[in-house]
């Protein structure tokens, strides 16, 4: 009786094939989507925003969270570009 030794995995290296990685990625994406849905559902109620002398009477918290993230991202990019051009010159 001869013993067969398994050959290399044609789908990729290691013990996981391409199909297993696709399943892991799909599960991770589903988990992230579930977290996003939970965050959205928890932050839909309107809230009053007082900013210096402006008052916004009924703005959903989610809109304020997304707006503050956008302002932060734009500020980060402007600072990064300013520092990058200062290093070049």
Protein backbone atom coordinates (compact mmCIF):
# COMPACT_ATOMS: atom_id res chain seq x y z
CA UNK A 1 0.00 0.00 0.00
CA UNK A 2 1.44 3.37 -0.99
CA UNK A 3 0.85 6.53 0.96
CA UNK A 4 -0.08 9.59 -1.07
CA UNK A 5 1.44 12.88 -0.04
CA UNK A 6 -0.57 15.98 -0.79
CA UNK A 7 0.97 18.25 -3.40
CA UNK A 8 1.16 22.01 -3.32
CA UNK A 9 -2.10 23.90 -3.16
CA UNK A 10 -2.76 25.22 -6.70
CA UNK A 11 -5.01 28.02 -5.42
CA UNK A 12 -2.32 29.69 -3.34
CA UNK A 13 0.33 29.14 -0.74
CA UNK A 14 -0.36 27.92 2.77
CA UNK A 15 -3.30 25.88 3.94
CA UNK A 16 -5.92 28.35 2.71
CA UNK A 17 -6.96 28.46 -0.90
CA UNK A 18 -8.39 31.40 -2.77
CA UNK A 19 -11.95 30.36 -1.93
CA UNK A 20 -11.22 30.40 1.80
CA UNK A 21 -9.76 33.92 1.57
CA UNK A 22 -12.79 35.11 -0.40
CA UNK A 23 -15.02 33.78 2.38
CA UNK A 24 -12.95 35.54 5.04
CA UNK A 25 -13.10 38.81 3.11
CA UNK A 26 -16.86 38.45 2.60
CA UNK A 27 -17.38 37.78 6.30
CA UNK A 28 -15.24 40.81 7.22
CA UNK A 29 -17.16 43.04 4.79
CA UNK A 30 -20.45 41.82 6.22
CA UNK A 31 -19.26 42.56 9.76
CA UNK A 32 -18.16 46.09 8.78
CA UNK A 33 -21.50 46.68 7.03
CA UNK A 34 -23.33 45.51 10.15
CA UNK A 35 -21.30 47.93 12.29
CA UNK A 36 -22.06 50.79 9.91
CA UNK A 37 -25.79 50.03 10.05
CA UNK A 38 -25.64 50.02 13.86
CA UNK A 39 -23.84 53.37 13.90
CA UNK A 40 -26.33 54.90 11.46
CA UNK A 41 -29.35 53.66 13.40
CA UNK A 42 -27.98 55.01 16.68
CA UNK A 43 -27.33 58.48 15.27
CA UNK A 44 -30.42 59.40 13.27
CA UNK A 45 -32.22 61.41 15.94
CA UNK A 46 -32.05 65.17 15.42
CA UNK A 47 -30.13 67.33 17.82
CA UNK A 48 -29.67 71.08 18.32
CA UNK A 49 -26.23 72.43 17.43
CA UNK A 50 -24.91 75.74 18.82
CA UNK A 51 -21.80 76.93 17.01
CA UNK A 52 -20.60 80.39 18.11
CA UNK A 53 -23.51 82.62 17.10
CA UNK A 54 -25.24 80.11 14.80
CA UNK A 55 -27.92 77.70 15.96
CA UNK A 56 -28.95 74.73 13.88
CA UNK A 57 -32.27 73.57 15.37
CA UNK A 58 -32.64 69.98 14.10
CA UNK A 59 -29.64 68.29 12.53
CA UNK A 60 -29.19 64.50 12.70
CA UNK A 61 -26.11 63.48 14.66
CA UNK A 62 -24.94 61.37 11.73
CA UNK A 63 -24.80 64.44 9.47
CA UNK A 64 -22.67 66.27 12.03
CA UNK A 65 -20.37 63.26 12.45
CA UNK A 66 -19.88 62.96 8.67
CA UNK A 67 -19.42 66.73 8.27
CA UNK A 68 -16.78 66.85 11.01
CA UNK A 69 -14.99 63.87 9.42
CA UNK A 70 -15.01 65.65 6.05
CA UNK A 71 -13.67 68.88 7.56
CA UNK A 72 -10.94 66.90 9.35
CA UNK A 73 -9.97 65.05 6.16
CA UNK A 74 -9.77 68.26 4.14
CA UNK A 75 -7.75 69.97 6.88
CA UNK A 76 -5.38 67.00 7.07
CA UNK A 77 -4.84 67.03 3.30
CA UNK A 78 -4.21 70.79 3.23
CA UNK A 79 -1.66 70.56 6.06
CA UNK A 80 0.01 67.53 4.42
CA UNK A 81 0.32 69.36 1.10
CA UNK A 82 1.61 72.53 2.78
CA UNK A 83 4.27 70.58 4.69
CA UNK A 84 5.17 68.60 1.57
CA UNK A 85 5.70 71.72 -0.50
CA UNK A 86 7.74 73.30 2.32
CA UNK A 87 10.07 70.27 2.36
CA UNK A 88 10.55 70.40 -1.42
CA UNK A 89 11.40 74.09 -1.54
